[in-house]
C-alpha atoms as a PDB file:
ATOM      1  CA  UNK A   1     144.344 154.966 128.354  1.00  0.00           C
ATOM      2  CA  UNK A   2     142.472 154.738 125.044  1.00  0.00           C
ATOM      3  CA  UNK A   3     143.459 152.374 122.226  1.00  0.00           C
ATOM      4  CA  UNK A   4     144.645 155.352 120.160  1.00  0.00           C
ATOM      5  CA  UNK A   5     146.941 156.447 123.014  1.00  0.00           C
ATOM      6  CA  UNK A   6     148.280 152.917 123.281  1.00  0.00           C
ATOM      7  CA  UNK A   7     149.043 152.878 119.564  1.00  0.00           C
ATOM      8  CA  UNK A   8     150.847 156.228 119.834  1.00  0.00           C
ATOM      9  CA  UNK A   9     152.923 155.005 122.809  1.00  0.00           C
ATOM     10  CA  UNK A  10     153.796 151.714 121.141  1.00  0.00           C
ATOM     11  CA  UNK A  11     157.548 151.362 120.670  1.00  0.00           C
ATOM     12  CA  UNK A  12     158.976 150.744 117.176  1.00  0.00           C
ATOM     13  CA  UNK A  13     159.997 147.210 118.231  1.00  0.00           C
ATOM     14  CA  UNK A  14     156.477 146.408 119.476  1.00  0.00           C
ATOM     15  CA  UNK A  15     154.941 147.909 116.340  1.00  0.00           C
ATOM     16  CA  UNK A  16     157.262 145.801 114.185  1.00  0.00           C
ATOM     17  CA  UNK A  17     156.361 142.683 116.127  1.00  0.00           C
ATOM     18  CA  UNK A  18     152.660 143.404 115.707  1.00  0.00           C
ATOM     19  CA  UNK A  19     153.124 143.955 111.980  1.00  0.00           C
ATOM     20  CA  UNK A  20     154.864 140.589 111.520  1.00  0.00           C
ATOM     21  CA  UNK A  21     152.277 138.889 113.713  1.00  0.00           C
ATOM     22  CA  UNK A  22     149.433 140.218 111.553  1.00  0.00           C
ATOM     23  CA  UNK A  23     151.351 139.321 108.402  1.00  0.00           C
ATOM     24  CA  UNK A  24     151.795 135.710 109.535  1.00  0.00           C
ATOM     25  CA  UNK A  25     148.206 135.381 110.739  1.00  0.00           C
ATOM     26  CA  UNK A  26     146.445 136.896 107.748  1.00  0.00           C
ATOM     27  CA  UNK A  27     149.004 137.375 104.980  1.00  0.00           C
ATOM     28  CA  UNK A  28     150.245 133.787 104.797  1.00  0.00           C
ATOM     29  CA  UNK A  29     146.754 132.216 104.509  1.00  0.00           C
ATOM     30  CA  UNK A  30     145.857 134.725 101.787  1.00  0.00           C
ATOM     31  CA  UNK A  31     149.050 133.891  99.876  1.00  0.00           C
ATOM     32  CA  UNK A  32     148.275 130.162 100.208  1.00  0.00           C
ATOM     33  CA  UNK A  33     144.716 130.605  98.920  1.00  0.00           C
ATOM     34  CA  UNK A  34     145.711 132.850  96.017  1.00  0.00           C
ATOM     35  CA  UNK A  35     148.787 130.760  95.179  1.00  0.00           C
ATOM     36  CA  UNK A  36     146.948 127.432  95.123  1.00  0.00           C
ATOM     37  CA  UNK A  37     144.104 128.904  93.063  1.00  0.00           C
ATOM     38  CA  UNK A  38     146.648 130.344  90.601  1.00  0.00           C
ATOM     39  CA  UNK A  39     148.359 126.938  90.289  1.00  0.00           C
ATOM     40  CA  UNK A  40     145.013 125.287  89.581  1.00  0.00           C
ATOM     41  CA  UNK A  41     144.748 127.195  86.303  1.00  0.00           C
ATOM     42  CA  UNK A  42     148.378 126.783  85.196  1.00  0.00           C
ATOM     43  CA  UNK A  43     147.506 123.860  82.986  1.00  0.00           C
ATOM     44  CA  UNK A  44     146.740 123.807  79.274  1.00  0.00           C
ATOM     45  CA  UNK A  45     143.824 121.422  79.909  1.00  0.00           C
ATOM     46  CA  UNK A  46     142.032 123.984  82.084  1.00  0.00           C
ATOM     47  CA  UNK A  47     139.835 126.509  80.308  1.00  0.00           C
ATOM     48  CA  UNK A  48     137.732 128.865  82.469  1.00  0.00           C
ATOM     49  CA  UNK A  49     135.138 129.310  79.709  1.00  0.00           C
ATOM     50  CA  UNK A  50     134.682 125.536  79.371  1.00  0.00           C
ATOM     51  CA  UNK A  51     134.488 125.193  83.138  1.00  0.00           C
ATOM     52  CA  UNK A  52     131.719 127.780  83.332  1.00  0.00           C
ATOM     53  CA  UNK A  53     129.921 125.890  80.570  1.00  0.00           C
ATOM     54  CA  UNK A  54     130.166 122.645  82.544  1.00  0.00           C
ATOM     55  CA  UNK A  55     128.697 124.344  85.631  1.00  0.00           C
ATOM     56  CA  UNK A  56     125.899 126.057  83.705  1.00  0.00           C
ATOM     57  CA  UNK A  57     124.893 122.994  81.665  1.00  0.00           C
ATOM     58  CA  UNK A  58     125.465 120.116  84.079  1.00  0.00           C
ATOM     59  CA  UNK A  59     124.806 121.319  87.616  1.00  0.00           C
ATOM     60  CA  UNK A  60     121.465 120.348  89.145  1.00  0.00           C
ATOM     61  CA  UNK A  61     120.991 123.151  91.657  1.00  0.00           C
ATOM     62  CA  UNK A  62     118.299 121.261  93.546  1.00  0.00           C
ATOM     63  CA  UNK A  63     121.010 119.002  94.956  1.00  0.00           C
ATOM     64  CA  UNK A  64     123.067 122.079  95.804  1.00  0.00           C
ATOM     65  CA  UNK A  65     120.162 123.474  97.838  1.00  0.00           C
ATOM     66  CA  UNK A  66     120.116 120.240  99.829  1.00  0.00           C
ATOM     67  CA  UNK A  67     123.879 120.623 100.299  1.00  0.00           C
ATOM     68  CA  UNK A  68     123.334 124.104 101.767  1.00  0.00           C
ATOM     69  CA  UNK A  69     120.526 122.920 104.054  1.00  0.00           C
ATOM     70  CA  UNK A  70     122.620 120.056 105.439  1.00  0.00           C
ATOM     71  CA  UNK A  71     125.599 122.348 105.970  1.00  0.00           C
ATOM     72  CA  UNK A  72     123.432 124.714 108.009  1.00  0.00           C
ATOM     73  CA  UNK A  73     121.998 121.761 109.959  1.00  0.00           C
ATOM     74  CA  UNK A  74     125.539 120.753 110.948  1.00  0.00           C
ATOM     75  CA  UNK A  75     126.094 124.233 112.399  1.00  0.00           C
ATOM     76  CA  UNK A  76     122.847 124.009 114.376  1.00  0.00           C
ATOM     77  CA  UNK A  77     123.961 120.659 115.835  1.00  0.00           C
ATOM     78  CA  UNK A  78     127.372 122.179 116.625  1.00  0.00           C
ATOM     79  CA  UNK A  79     125.721 124.964 118.629  1.00  0.00           C
ATOM     80  CA  UNK A  80     123.631 122.404 120.538  1.00  0.00           C
ATOM     81  CA  UNK A  81     126.745 120.336 121.304  1.00  0.00           C
ATOM     82  CA  UNK A  82     128.669 123.343 122.590  1.00  0.00           C
ATOM     83  CA  UNK A  83     125.720 124.320 124.779  1.00  0.00           C
ATOM     84  CA  UNK A  84     126.087 121.026 126.687  1.00  0.00           C
ATOM     85  CA  UNK A  85     129.755 121.758 127.406  1.00  0.00           C
ATOM     86  CA  UNK A  86     129.109 125.334 128.508  1.00  0.00           C
ATOM     87  CA  UNK A  87     126.230 124.374 130.817  1.00  0.00           C
ATOM     88  CA  UNK A  88     128.567 121.938 132.564  1.00  0.00           C
ATOM     89  CA  UNK A  89     130.761 124.986 133.280  1.00  0.00           C
ATOM     90  CA  UNK A  90     127.728 126.902 134.638  1.00  0.00           C
ATOM     91  CA  UNK A  91     127.799 129.164 131.576  1.00  0.00           C
ATOM     92  CA  UNK A  92     124.291 129.423 130.143  1.00  0.00           C
ATOM     93  CA  UNK A  93     124.014 131.451 126.942  1.00  0.00           C
ATOM     94  CA  UNK A  94     120.793 131.144 124.980  1.00  0.00           C
ATOM     95  CA  UNK A  95     120.723 128.774 122.040  1.00  0.00           C
ATOM     96  CA  UNK A  96     120.217 131.777 119.732  1.00  0.00           C
ATOM     97  CA  UNK A  97     123.446 133.375 120.981  1.00  0.00           C
ATOM     98  CA  UNK A  98     125.343 130.129 120.473  1.00  0.00           C
ATOM     99  CA  UNK A  99     123.952 129.739 116.973  1.00  0.00           C
ATOM    100  CA  UNK A 100     125.009 133.285 116.069  1.00  0.00           C
ATOM    101  CA  UNK A 101     128.475 132.571 117.465  1.00  0.00           C
ATOM    102  CA  UNK A 102     128.818 129.464 115.291  1.00  0.00           C
ATOM    103  CA  UNK A 103     127.512 131.212 112.172  1.00  0.00           C
ATOM    104  CA  UNK A 104     129.846 134.128 112.822  1.00  0.00           C
ATOM    105  CA  UNK A 105     132.856 131.846 113.333  1.00  0.00           C
ATOM    106  CA  UNK A 106     132.791 130.515 109.786  1.00  0.00           C
ATOM    107  CA  UNK A 107     132.145 133.925 108.277  1.00  0.00           C
ATOM    108  CA  UNK A 108     135.023 135.526 110.218  1.00  0.00           C
ATOM    109  CA  UNK A 109     137.342 132.665 109.193  1.00  0.00           C
ATOM    110  CA  UNK A 110     136.546 133.432 105.576  1.00  0.00           C
ATOM    111  CA  UNK A 111     138.237 136.841 105.957  1.00  0.00           C
ATOM    112  CA  UNK A 112     140.574 136.257 108.912  1.00  0.00           C
ATOM    113  CA  UNK A 113     141.595 132.584 109.115  1.00  0.00           C
ATOM    114  CA  UNK A 114     141.579 131.091 112.634  1.00  0.00           C
ATOM    115  CA  UNK A 115     140.259 134.320 114.149  1.00  0.00           C
ATOM    116  CA  UNK A 116     136.699 132.982 114.052  1.00  0.00           C
ATOM    117  CA  UNK A 117     137.286 130.630 117.000  1.00  0.00           C
ATOM    118  CA  UNK A 118     138.747 133.479 119.061  1.00  0.00           C
ATOM    119  CA  UNK A 119     135.839 135.728 118.069  1.00  0.00           C
ATOM    120  CA  UNK A 120     133.155 133.235 119.114  1.00  0.00           C
ATOM    121  CA  UNK A 121     134.934 132.613 122.422  1.00  0.00           C
ATOM    122  CA  UNK A 122     135.120 136.345 123.100  1.00  0.00           C
ATOM    123  CA  UNK A 123     131.493 136.878 122.059  1.00  0.00           C
ATOM    124  CA  UNK A 124     130.133 134.236 124.455  1.00  0.00           C
ATOM    125  CA  UNK A 125     132.538 135.159 127.268  1.00  0.00           C
ATOM    126  CA  UNK A 126     131.509 138.808 126.968  1.00  0.00           C
ATOM    127  CA  UNK A 127     127.778 138.088 126.806  1.00  0.00           C
ATOM    128  CA  UNK A 128     127.867 135.758 129.816  1.00  0.00           C
ATOM    129  CA  UNK A 129     130.580 137.587 131.832  1.00  0.00           C
ATOM    130  CA  UNK A 130     132.545 134.319 131.879  1.00  0.00           C
ATOM    131  CA  UNK A 131     136.346 133.762 131.955  1.00  0.00           C
ATOM    132  CA  UNK A 132     137.708 133.868 128.430  1.00  0.00           C
ATOM    133  CA  UNK A 133     140.169 130.986 129.001  1.00  0.00           C
ATOM    134  CA  UNK A 134     137.430 128.703 130.328  1.00  0.00           C
ATOM    135  CA  UNK A 135     135.167 129.344 127.337  1.00  0.00           C
ATOM    136  CA  UNK A 136     138.183 129.009 125.056  1.00  0.00           C
ATOM    137  CA  UNK A 137     139.023 125.657 126.641  1.00  0.00           C
ATOM    138  CA  UNK A 138     135.540 124.379 125.881  1.00  0.00           C
ATOM    139  CA  UNK A 139     135.987 125.551 122.287  1.00  0.00           C
ATOM    140  CA  UNK A 140     139.347 123.718 122.101  1.00  0.00           C
ATOM    141  CA  UNK A 141     137.600 120.551 123.308  1.00  0.00           C
ATOM    142  CA  UNK A 142     134.955 121.118 120.636  1.00  0.00           C
ATOM    143  CA  UNK A 143     137.622 121.371 117.934  1.00  0.00           C
ATOM    144  CA  UNK A 144     139.626 118.434 119.285  1.00  0.00           C
ATOM    145  CA  UNK A 145     136.501 116.289 119.032  1.00  0.00           C
ATOM    146  CA  UNK A 146     136.308 117.251 115.357  1.00  0.00           C
ATOM    147  CA  UNK A 147     139.995 116.444 114.817  1.00  0.00           C
ATOM    148  CA  UNK A 148     139.599 113.015 116.411  1.00  0.00           C
ATOM    149  CA  UNK A 149     136.481 112.381 114.335  1.00  0.00           C
ATOM    150  CA  UNK A 150     138.312 113.215 111.100  1.00  0.00           C
ATOM    151  CA  UNK A 151     141.214 110.968 112.153  1.00  0.00           C
ATOM    152  CA  UNK A 152     138.782 108.125 112.867  1.00  0.00           C
ATOM    153  CA  UNK A 153     137.069 108.667 109.520  1.00  0.00           C
ATOM    154  CA  UNK A 154     140.484 108.617 107.833  1.00  0.00           C
ATOM    155  CA  UNK A 155     141.236 105.217 109.361  1.00  0.00           C
ATOM    156  CA  UNK A 156     137.790 103.915 108.391  1.00  0.00           C
ATOM    157  CA  UNK A 157     138.310 105.163 104.838  1.00  0.00           C
ATOM    158  CA  UNK A 158     140.962 102.490 104.317  1.00  0.00           C
ATOM    159  CA  UNK A 159     138.235  99.834 104.586  1.00  0.00           C
ATOM    160  CA  UNK A 160     136.248 100.726 101.428  1.00  0.00           C
ATOM    161  CA  UNK A 161     139.054 102.587  99.609  1.00  0.00           C
ATOM    162  CA  UNK A 162     142.176 100.734 100.722  1.00  0.00           C
ATOM    163  CA  UNK A 163     143.062  99.440  97.236  1.00  0.00           C
ATOM    164  CA  UNK A 164     142.971 102.885  95.607  1.00  0.00           C
ATOM    165  CA  UNK A 165     144.916 104.532  98.441  1.00  0.00           C
ATOM    166  CA  UNK A 166     147.579 101.819  98.562  1.00  0.00           C
ATOM    167  CA  UNK A 167     148.038 102.071  94.793  1.00  0.00           C
ATOM    168  CA  UNK A 168     148.524 105.830  95.022  1.00  0.00           C
ATOM    169  CA  UNK A 169     150.835 105.827  98.036  1.00  0.00           C
ATOM    170  CA  UNK A 170     152.853 102.993  96.548  1.00  0.00           C
ATOM    171  CA  UNK A 171     153.859 104.960  93.452  1.00  0.00           C
ATOM    172  CA  UNK A 172     156.726 107.428  93.069  1.00  0.00           C
ATOM    173  CA  UNK A 173     159.162 105.345  95.078  1.00  0.00           C
ATOM    174  CA  UNK A 174     156.726 104.559  97.873  1.00  0.00           C
ATOM    175  CA  UNK A 175     155.299 107.710  99.403  1.00  0.00           C
ATOM    176  CA  UNK A 176     153.975 105.762 102.383  1.00  0.00           C
ATOM    177  CA  UNK A 177     157.422 104.285 103.072  1.00  0.00           C
ATOM    178  CA  UNK A 178     158.969 107.785 103.053  1.00  0.00           C
ATOM    179  CA  UNK A 179     156.298 109.076 105.416  1.00  0.00           C
ATOM    180  CA  UNK A 180     156.856 106.197 107.838  1.00  0.00           C
ATOM    181  CA  UNK A 181     160.621 106.826 107.711  1.00  0.00           C
ATOM    182  CA  UNK A 182     160.050 110.438 108.797  1.00  0.00           C
ATOM    183  CA  UNK A 183     157.673 109.455 111.602  1.00  0.00           C
ATOM    184  CA  UNK A 184     160.105 106.812 112.896  1.00  0.00           C
ATOM    185  CA  UNK A 185     163.139 109.107 112.736  1.00  0.00           C
ATOM    186  CA  UNK A 186     165.065 109.215 116.056  1.00  0.00           C
ATOM    187  CA  UNK A 187     165.967 112.836 115.297  1.00  0.00           C
ATOM    188  CA  UNK A 188     162.281 113.841 115.229  1.00  0.00           C
ATOM    189  CA  UNK A 189     161.383 112.083 118.456  1.00  0.00           C
ATOM    190  CA  UNK A 190     164.643 113.205 120.102  1.00  0.00           C
ATOM    191  CA  UNK A 191     163.728 116.829 119.354  1.00  0.00           C
ATOM    192  CA  UNK A 192     160.215 116.285 120.739  1.00  0.00           C
ATOM    193  CA  UNK A 193     161.610 114.722 123.927  1.00  0.00           C
ATOM    194  CA  UNK A 194     164.204 117.486 124.370  1.00  0.00           C
ATOM    195  CA  UNK A 195     161.528 120.166 123.984  1.00  0.00           C
ATOM    196  CA  UNK A 196     159.351 118.453 126.577  1.00  0.00           C
ATOM    197  CA  UNK A 197     162.196 118.082 129.085  1.00  0.00           C
ATOM    198  CA  UNK A 198     163.243 121.718 128.621  1.00  0.00           C
ATOM    199  CA  UNK A 199     159.669 122.932 129.158  1.00  0.00           C
ATOM    200  CA  UNK A 200     159.281 120.914 132.364  1.00  0.00           C
ATOM    201  CA  UNK A 201     162.666 122.172 133.659  1.00  0.00           C
ATOM    202  CA  UNK A 202     161.700 125.809 133.037  1.00  0.00           C
ATOM    203  CA  UNK A 203     158.406 125.358 134.894  1.00  0.00           C
ATOM    204  CA  UNK A 204     160.202 123.772 137.881  1.00  0.00           C
ATOM    205  CA  UNK A 205     163.195 126.108 137.912  1.00  0.00           C
ATOM    206  CA  UNK A 206     161.275 129.388 137.546  1.00  0.00           C
ATOM    207  CA  UNK A 207     157.785 128.747 139.029  1.00  0.00           C
ATOM    208  CA  UNK A 208     157.280 132.381 140.084  1.00  0.00           C
ATOM    209  CA  UNK A 209     158.385 134.011 136.826  1.00  0.00           C
ATOM    210  CA  UNK A 210     155.591 136.185 135.484  1.00  0.00           C
ATOM    211  CA  UNK A 211     155.571 134.429 132.094  1.00  0.00           C
ATOM    212  CA  UNK A 212     155.404 130.972 133.738  1.00  0.00           C
ATOM    213  CA  UNK A 213     152.638 132.152 136.086  1.00  0.00           C
ATOM    214  CA  UNK A 214     150.671 133.538 133.128  1.00  0.00           C
ATOM    215  CA  UNK A 215     151.088 130.304 131.163  1.00  0.00           C
ATOM    216  CA  UNK A 216     149.895 128.303 134.186  1.00  0.00           C
ATOM    217  CA  UNK A 217     146.798 130.496 134.492  1.00  0.00           C
ATOM    218  CA  UNK A 218     146.013 130.042 130.805  1.00  0.00           C
ATOM    219  CA  UNK A 219     146.589 126.266 130.967  1.00  0.00           C
ATOM    220  CA  UNK A 220     144.409 126.022 134.091  1.00  0.00           C
ATOM    221  CA  UNK A 221     141.558 127.815 132.343  1.00  0.00           C
ATOM    222  CA  UNK A 222     141.974 125.747 129.200  1.00  0.00           C
ATOM    223  CA  UNK A 223     142.013 122.508 131.193  1.00  0.00           C
ATOM    224  CA  UNK A 224     138.860 123.513 133.080  1.00  0.00           C
ATOM    225  CA  UNK A 225     137.047 124.075 129.804  1.00  0.00           C
ATOM    226  CA  UNK A 226     138.510 120.958 128.202  1.00  0.00           C
ATOM    227  CA  UNK A 227     138.152 118.447 131.054  1.00  0.00           C
ATOM    228  CA  UNK A 228     134.451 119.186 131.427  1.00  0.00           C
ATOM    229  CA  UNK A 229     133.760 116.810 128.516  1.00  0.00           C
ATOM    230  CA  UNK A 230     134.839 113.883 130.701  1.00  0.00           C
ATOM    231  CA  UNK A 231     132.731 114.723 133.765  1.00  0.00           C
ATOM    232  CA  UNK A 232     129.737 116.588 132.320  1.00  0.00           C
ATOM    233  CA  UNK A 233     126.169 115.328 132.222  1.00  0.00           C
ATOM    234  CA  UNK A 234     124.693 114.558 128.838  1.00  0.00           C
ATOM    235  CA  UNK A 235     127.766 112.838 127.330  1.00  0.00           C
ATOM    236  CA  UNK A 236     125.493 110.536 125.336  1.00  0.00           C
ATOM    237  CA  UNK A 237     123.639 113.477 123.811  1.00  0.00           C
ATOM    238  CA  UNK A 238     126.989 115.196 123.168  1.00  0.00           C
ATOM    239  CA  UNK A 239     128.175 112.124 121.228  1.00  0.00           C
ATOM    240  CA  UNK A 240     124.866 112.029 119.340  1.00  0.00           C
ATOM    241  CA  UNK A 241     125.309 115.660 118.268  1.00  0.00           C
ATOM    242  CA  UNK A 242     128.862 114.848 117.163  1.00  0.00           C
ATOM    243  CA  UNK A 243     127.515 112.040 114.977  1.00  0.00           C
ATOM    244  CA  UNK A 244     124.801 114.347 113.602  1.00  0.00           C
ATOM    245  CA  UNK A 245     127.335 117.081 112.797  1.00  0.00           C
ATOM    246  CA  UNK A 246     129.552 114.790 110.757  1.00  0.00           C
ATOM    247  CA  UNK A 247     126.660 112.834 109.313  1.00  0.00           C
ATOM    248  CA  UNK A 248     125.258 116.134 108.010  1.00  0.00           C
ATOM    249  CA  UNK A 249     128.620 117.070 106.486  1.00  0.00           C
ATOM    250  CA  UNK A 250     128.929 113.678 104.777  1.00  0.00           C
ATOM    251  CA  UNK A 251     125.397 113.835 103.393  1.00  0.00           C
ATOM    252  CA  UNK A 252     126.004 117.440 102.263  1.00  0.00           C
ATOM    253  CA  UNK A 253     128.958 116.271 100.157  1.00  0.00           C
ATOM    254  CA  UNK A 254     126.890 113.337  98.845  1.00  0.00           C
ATOM    255  CA  UNK A 255     124.220 115.776  97.652  1.00  0.00           C
ATOM    256  CA  UNK A 256     126.847 118.010  96.061  1.00  0.00           C
ATOM    257  CA  UNK A 257     128.365 115.047  94.189  1.00  0.00           C
ATOM    258  CA  UNK A 258     124.905 114.055  92.950  1.00  0.00           C
ATOM    259  CA  UNK A 259     124.473 117.531  91.437  1.00  0.00           C
ATOM    260  CA  UNK A 260     126.936 116.781  88.577  1.00  0.00           C
ATOM    261  CA  UNK A 261     126.188 113.761  86.315  1.00  0.00           C
ATOM    262  CA  UNK A 262     129.746 112.390  86.083  1.00  0.00           C
ATOM    263  CA  UNK A 263     130.332 112.840  89.818  1.00  0.00           C
ATOM    264  CA  UNK A 264     127.060 110.980  90.411  1.00  0.00           C
ATOM    265  CA  UNK A 265     128.312 108.221  88.082  1.00  0.00           C
ATOM    266  CA  UNK A 266     131.499 108.005  90.151  1.00  0.00           C
ATOM    267  CA  UNK A 267     129.322 107.487  93.222  1.00  0.00           C
ATOM    268  CA  UNK A 268     127.230 104.800  91.523  1.00  0.00           C
ATOM    269  CA  UNK A 269     130.338 102.889  90.382  1.00  0.00           C
ATOM    270  CA  UNK A 270     132.544 103.237  93.443  1.00  0.00           C
ATOM    271  CA  UNK A 271     129.976 104.001  96.121  1.00  0.00           C
ATOM    272  CA  UNK A 272     131.170 104.556  99.669  1.00  0.00           C
ATOM    273  CA  UNK A 273     134.864 104.416  98.717  1.00  0.00           C
ATOM    274  CA  UNK A 274     134.639 107.510  96.503  1.00  0.00           C
ATOM    275  CA  UNK A 275     132.480 109.429  98.968  1.00  0.00           C
ATOM    276  CA  UNK A 276     134.768 108.564 101.900  1.00  0.00           C
ATOM    277  CA  UNK A 277     137.983 109.550 100.125  1.00  0.00           C
ATOM    278  CA  UNK A 278     136.627 112.860  98.833  1.00  0.00           C
ATOM    279  CA  UNK A 279     135.122 113.698 102.214  1.00  0.00           C
ATOM    280  CA  UNK A 280     138.163 112.857 104.334  1.00  0.00           C
ATOM    281  CA  UNK A 281     140.670 114.592 102.104  1.00  0.00           C
ATOM    282  CA  UNK A 282     138.596 117.759 101.786  1.00  0.00           C
ATOM    283  CA  UNK A 283     138.064 117.740 105.560  1.00  0.00           C
ATOM    284  CA  UNK A 284     141.819 117.507 106.119  1.00  0.00           C
ATOM    285  CA  UNK A 285     142.367 120.329 103.610  1.00  0.00           C
ATOM    286  CA  UNK A 286     140.344 122.654 105.854  1.00  0.00           C
ATOM    287  CA  UNK A 287     143.190 122.452 108.357  1.00  0.00           C
ATOM    288  CA  UNK A 288     145.518 124.226 105.907  1.00  0.00           C
ATOM    289  CA  UNK A 289     145.715 127.946 106.799  1.00  0.00           C
ATOM    290  CA  UNK A 290     143.699 129.624 104.062  1.00  0.00           C
ATOM    291  CA  UNK A 291     140.657 131.846 103.644  1.00  0.00           C
ATOM    292  CA  UNK A 292     137.676 129.558 104.146  1.00  0.00           C
ATOM    293  CA  UNK A 293     139.549 126.594 102.649  1.00  0.00           C
ATOM    294  CA  UNK A 294     139.655 128.262  99.219  1.00  0.00           C
ATOM    295  CA  UNK A 295     142.516 126.682  97.297  1.00  0.00           C
ATOM    296  CA  UNK A 296     143.344 123.621  99.438  1.00  0.00           C
ATOM    297  CA  UNK A 297     139.739 122.381  99.153  1.00  0.00           C
ATOM    298  CA  UNK A 298     139.830 122.287  95.345  1.00  0.00           C
ATOM    299  CA  UNK A 299     143.182 120.474  95.304  1.00  0.00           C
ATOM    300  CA  UNK A 300     141.915 117.885  97.791  1.00  0.00           C
ATOM    301  CA  UNK A 301     138.745 117.309  95.767  1.00  0.00           C
ATOM    302  CA  UNK A 302     140.692 116.900  92.521  1.00  0.00           C
ATOM    303  CA  UNK A 303     142.987 114.404  94.215  1.00  0.00           C
ATOM    304  CA  UNK A 304     140.059 112.383  95.590  1.00  0.00           C
ATOM    305  CA  UNK A 305     138.219 112.295  92.263  1.00  0.00           C
ATOM    306  CA  UNK A 306     141.393 111.337  90.368  1.00  0.00           C
ATOM    307  CA  UNK A 307     141.589 108.044  92.293  1.00  0.00           C
ATOM    308  CA  UNK A 308     138.249 106.938  90.801  1.00  0.00           C
ATOM    309  CA  UNK A 309     138.062 108.666  87.409  1.00  0.00           C
ATOM    310  CA  UNK A 310     139.980 106.208  85.212  1.00  0.00           C
ATOM    311  CA  UNK A 311     136.903 104.167  84.224  1.00  0.00           C
ATOM    312  CA  UNK A 312     134.595 107.168  83.729  1.00  0.00           C
ATOM    313  CA  UNK A 313     134.991 108.869  80.316  1.00  0.00           C
ATOM    314  CA  UNK A 314     134.786 112.639  80.564  1.00  0.00           C
ATOM    315  CA  UNK A 315     135.615 112.839  84.264  1.00  0.00           C
ATOM    316  CA  UNK A 316     138.704 114.927  83.627  1.00  0.00           C
ATOM    317  CA  UNK A 317     140.707 117.189  85.924  1.00  0.00           C
ATOM    318  CA  UNK A 318     138.862 120.125  84.370  1.00  0.00           C
ATOM    319  CA  UNK A 319     135.476 118.568  85.165  1.00  0.00           C
ATOM    320  CA  UNK A 320     136.528 117.844  88.757  1.00  0.00           C
ATOM    321  CA  UNK A 321     137.836 121.395  89.149  1.00  0.00           C
ATOM    322  CA  UNK A 322     134.572 122.801  87.759  1.00  0.00           C
ATOM    323  CA  UNK A 323     132.675 120.835  90.390  1.00  0.00           C
ATOM    324  CA  UNK A 324     135.056 121.862  93.186  1.00  0.00           C
ATOM    325  CA  UNK A 325     134.923 125.545  92.197  1.00  0.00           C
ATOM    326  CA  UNK A 326     131.138 125.443  92.061  1.00  0.00           C
ATOM    327  CA  UNK A 327     130.968 123.883  95.524  1.00  0.00           C
ATOM    328  CA  UNK A 328     133.466 126.342  97.026  1.00  0.00           C
ATOM    329  CA  UNK A 329     131.632 129.240  95.367  1.00  0.00           C
ATOM    330  CA  UNK A 330     128.295 128.164  96.851  1.00  0.00           C
ATOM    331  CA  UNK A 331     129.826 127.674 100.297  1.00  0.00           C
ATOM    332  CA  UNK A 332     131.540 131.074 100.152  1.00  0.00           C
ATOM    333  CA  UNK A 333     128.299 132.812  99.148  1.00  0.00           C
ATOM    334  CA  UNK A 334     126.464 131.112 102.032  1.00  0.00           C
ATOM    335  CA  UNK A 335     129.160 132.251 104.482  1.00  0.00           C
ATOM    336  CA  UNK A 336     128.916 135.836 103.242  1.00  0.00           C
ATOM    337  CA  UNK A 337     125.119 135.877 103.658  1.00  0.00           C
ATOM    338  CA  UNK A 338     125.501 134.133 107.029  1.00  0.00           C
ATOM    339  CA  UNK A 339     127.970 136.754 108.185  1.00  0.00           C
ATOM    340  CA  UNK A 340     125.767 139.656 107.140  1.00  0.00           C
ATOM    341  CA  UNK A 341     122.751 138.196 108.936  1.00  0.00           C
ATOM    342  CA  UNK A 342     124.775 137.260 112.025  1.00  0.00           C
ATOM    343  CA  UNK A 343     126.413 140.621 112.580  1.00  0.00           C
ATOM    344  CA  UNK A 344     123.212 142.411 111.620  1.00  0.00           C
ATOM    345  CA  UNK A 345     121.358 140.487 114.362  1.00  0.00           C
ATOM    346  CA  UNK A 346     124.122 141.246 116.877  1.00  0.00           C
ATOM    347  CA  UNK A 347     123.998 144.962 116.016  1.00  0.00           C
ATOM    348  CA  UNK A 348     120.189 145.053 116.360  1.00  0.00           C
ATOM    349  CA  UNK A 349     120.336 143.243 119.701  1.00  0.00           C
ATOM    350  CA  UNK A 350     122.939 145.695 120.966  1.00  0.00           C
ATOM    351  CA  UNK A 351     120.762 148.639 119.898  1.00  0.00           C
ATOM    352  CA  UNK A 352     117.730 147.210 121.696  1.00  0.00           C
ATOM    353  CA  UNK A 353     119.742 146.567 124.870  1.00  0.00           C
ATOM    354  CA  UNK A 354     121.418 150.008 124.904  1.00  0.00           C
ATOM    355  CA  UNK A 355     118.926 152.481 123.409  1.00  0.00           C
ATOM    356  CA  UNK A 356     120.400 155.415 125.317  1.00  0.00           C
ATOM    357  CA  UNK A 357     123.724 155.073 123.516  1.00  0.00           C
ATOM    358  CA  UNK A 358     122.117 155.639 120.099  1.00  0.00           C
END
């Protein structure tokens, strides 16, 4: 049956479910991006014309070019790291295919948040005739490594920037105390425990149910792709690529900060503390469902800069927002160009491989 026939035979209930699924996946991130960007300009101190003047007069685009180069280098290292995982699963795509999949991931996420990871998994699984869940599991391991790295960097950030962070979290009635109260709540952990017990009971009580069987198959494939990190050859090289990925990201932000005089002054006065805070908080902001981080990224950058701007005349919220908008604009433009080149290369490769279909 063709996809059009399936759509015609789809029941109203299924069609409604699909509509709400698409709305949650793609509508909510768009609302978050647009809403946060709208809130950024709801302040009398923010003037778009002045912001454009700051960008035009103060930005040193040579540093921005270095920022772009380092960002692309991080994606190259990411492709090399993923290749190690896939080879351990006896899946051997070419490095060029992996690089296209990584480039395409970020470009797809710009339009359809979180779909990029699914797209790159499907692209490699299709090219190599490999199980989707196994490739997806390796991608989950790839992303979990990034999450753990960001968490480690967050903990390390308290070493150079502990004073500024403690001062911020200690205001407004003790934000840190409130957060710890939530995390230590017996209600929260009781709900987590109850959910876990219920899940285990369902798996034991109904082992042959088609939904349980399907979940087991998915989990088995995911685990196969995930566990390979522990037993694969080349773990040292894998860790080196992880360090190179995040080292490139950190240096990319350093170059971007150097491109604006007052941001560079913040670096010279506060050094590693300012760089670490801005990097970690913007990295965390990328986890917020949005289109390419647009919206959350600017808020995170403004927050990070605000912790170090008191002793730097002129480093206002408007200046920080001008810098953040410039950086997001450059990154978005790069992703658009990346996407066009990536899908252009894929289309050309498909035409070469299937000339009779054209």
